Amino acid sequence: MVENTYNFTLSNSKTIERIIEDDNVGINHIVLSKDDALPEHYSNSNVYMIVARGTVTLQLNEQEPHSYPSGNIVTIPFKTKMNVKNIGDETLEFFIVKAPSPKVMINQ
């Protein structure tokens, strides 16, 4: 086979998993229940957040929070302070694509 396949968890409860981490890209899968959040952190690469289900609320750097429903892709620059929350009633599910891989960005 030429292709590789990767699995991710189908869930409605809090899930944080690394799907792919190689020199080209990092891909994470995250599920957050109502009122769940990720710890405040800085983006360690260029981030492409793909909202698959629910609505993500983001506070980036010192901006006011903004919300993005499923069907949106949000781009976040390298070294941006991120607060990621689910303040909606629906389960939030999204994928984070980091390009290039954070392994490459370490020396930036």
Protein backbone atom coordinates (compact mmCIF):
# COMPACT_ATOMS: atom_id res chain seq x y z
CA MET A 1 0.00 0.00 0.00
CA VAL A 2 1.15 3.49 -0.81
CA GLU A 3 -1.25 5.20 1.58
CA ASN A 4 -1.29 5.31 5.37
CA THR A 5 -4.44 5.46 7.44
CA TYR A 6 -4.92 7.06 10.83
CA ASN A 7 -7.80 6.62 13.24
CA PHE A 8 -9.38 9.14 15.56
CA THR A 9 -11.83 8.65 18.39
CA LEU A 10 -15.56 9.09 17.78
CA SER A 11 -16.78 10.54 21.06
CA ASN A 12 -19.01 13.07 22.79
CA SER A 13 -16.76 13.36 25.85
CA LYS A 14 -13.53 15.29 26.26
CA THR A 15 -10.87 13.89 23.93
CA ILE A 16 -7.46 15.29 23.06
CA GLU A 17 -5.36 13.17 20.75
CA ARG A 18 -2.40 13.56 18.45
CA ILE A 19 -3.20 11.88 15.13
CA ILE A 20 -0.08 12.64 13.07
CA GLU A 21 3.25 14.17 14.02
CA ASP A 22 5.95 14.02 11.37
CA ASP A 23 8.32 16.53 9.76
CA ASN A 24 5.61 17.80 7.41
CA VAL A 25 2.56 18.31 9.58
CA GLY A 26 1.01 17.86 13.00
CA ILE A 27 -2.68 16.93 13.21
CA ASN A 28 -4.62 16.83 16.48
CA HIS A 29 -8.24 15.89 17.13
CA ILE A 30 -10.14 17.48 20.00
CA VAL A 31 -13.63 17.02 21.43
CA LEU A 32 -14.88 19.35 24.18
CA SER A 33 -18.17 19.07 26.05
CA LYS A 34 -20.11 22.14 27.15
CA ASP A 35 -17.96 24.45 29.32
CA ASP A 36 -14.76 22.48 28.63
CA ALA A 37 -11.63 24.36 27.57
CA LEU A 38 -8.01 23.81 26.70
CA PRO A 39 -5.31 25.32 28.92
CA GLU A 40 -4.09 28.72 27.72
CA HIS A 41 -1.11 28.19 25.45
CA TYR A 42 0.82 29.69 22.53
CA SER A 43 0.58 28.25 19.03
CA ASN A 44 3.77 26.33 18.28
CA SER A 45 3.31 26.52 14.49
CA ASN A 46 0.89 28.00 11.98
CA VAL A 47 -2.48 26.58 13.05
CA TYR A 48 -5.45 25.70 10.86
CA MET A 49 -8.43 24.88 13.09
CA ILE A 50 -11.15 22.94 11.28
CA VAL A 51 -14.46 23.07 13.19
CA ALA A 52 -16.32 19.82 12.45
CA ARG A 53 -19.13 19.99 15.03
CA GLY A 54 -20.45 22.60 17.45
CA THR A 55 -19.01 26.09 17.92
CA VAL A 56 -15.50 26.99 19.08
CA THR A 57 -14.90 30.20 21.03
CA LEU A 58 -11.40 31.62 20.68
CA GLN A 59 -9.66 34.44 22.49
CA LEU A 60 -6.41 35.14 20.66
CA ASN A 61 -3.77 37.38 22.23
CA GLU A 62 -5.69 40.27 23.83
CA GLN A 63 -8.66 40.36 21.40
CA GLU A 64 -12.23 39.89 22.46
CA PRO A 65 -13.46 36.28 22.16
CA HIS A 66 -14.91 35.24 18.78
CA SER A 67 -17.06 32.18 18.05
CA TYR A 68 -16.94 30.02 14.92
CA PRO A 69 -19.52 27.32 14.13
CA SER A 70 -18.95 24.03 12.33
CA GLY A 71 -18.01 24.43 8.69
CA ASN A 72 -15.33 27.04 9.45
CA ILE A 73 -11.56 26.85 9.16
CA VAL A 74 -9.77 29.39 11.37
CA THR A 75 -6.12 30.24 10.77
CA ILE A 76 -3.96 31.25 13.73
CA PRO A 77 -0.39 32.53 13.30
CA PHE A 78 2.69 31.07 14.99
CA LYS A 79 3.33 32.29 18.58
CA THR A 80 -0.25 33.50 19.18
CA LYS A 81 -1.69 33.21 22.70
CA MET A 82 -4.74 30.95 22.49
CA ASN A 83 -7.71 30.37 24.75
CA VAL A 84 -9.99 27.71 23.28
CA LYS A 85 -13.42 27.01 24.83
CA ASN A 86 -16.77 25.40 24.24
CA ILE A 87 -19.36 27.74 25.73
CA GLY A 88 -22.17 26.37 23.56
CA ASP A 89 -24.69 23.67 24.38
CA GLU A 90 -23.49 21.28 21.64
CA THR A 91 -20.42 19.07 21.79
CA LEU A 92 -17.49 20.78 20.05
CA GLU A 93 -15.26 18.72 17.76
CA PHE A 94 -12.38 20.13 15.77
CA PHE A 95 -9.12 19.21 14.12
CA ILE A 96 -5.93 21.21 14.40
CA VAL A 97 -3.53 21.10 11.49
CA LYS A 98 -0.09 22.51 12.27
CA ALA A 99 2.07 23.31 9.27
CA PRO A 100 4.91 23.02 9.18
CA SER A 101 5.19 20.53 11.98
CA PRO A 102 6.06 22.03 15.39
CA LYS A 103 9.22 19.89 15.23
CA VAL A 104 10.41 22.14 12.41
CA MET A 105 9.22 25.37 14.10
CA ILE A 106 11.22 24.83 17.32
CA ASN A 107 14.20 26.78 16.01
CA GLN A 108 12.15 29.70 14.65
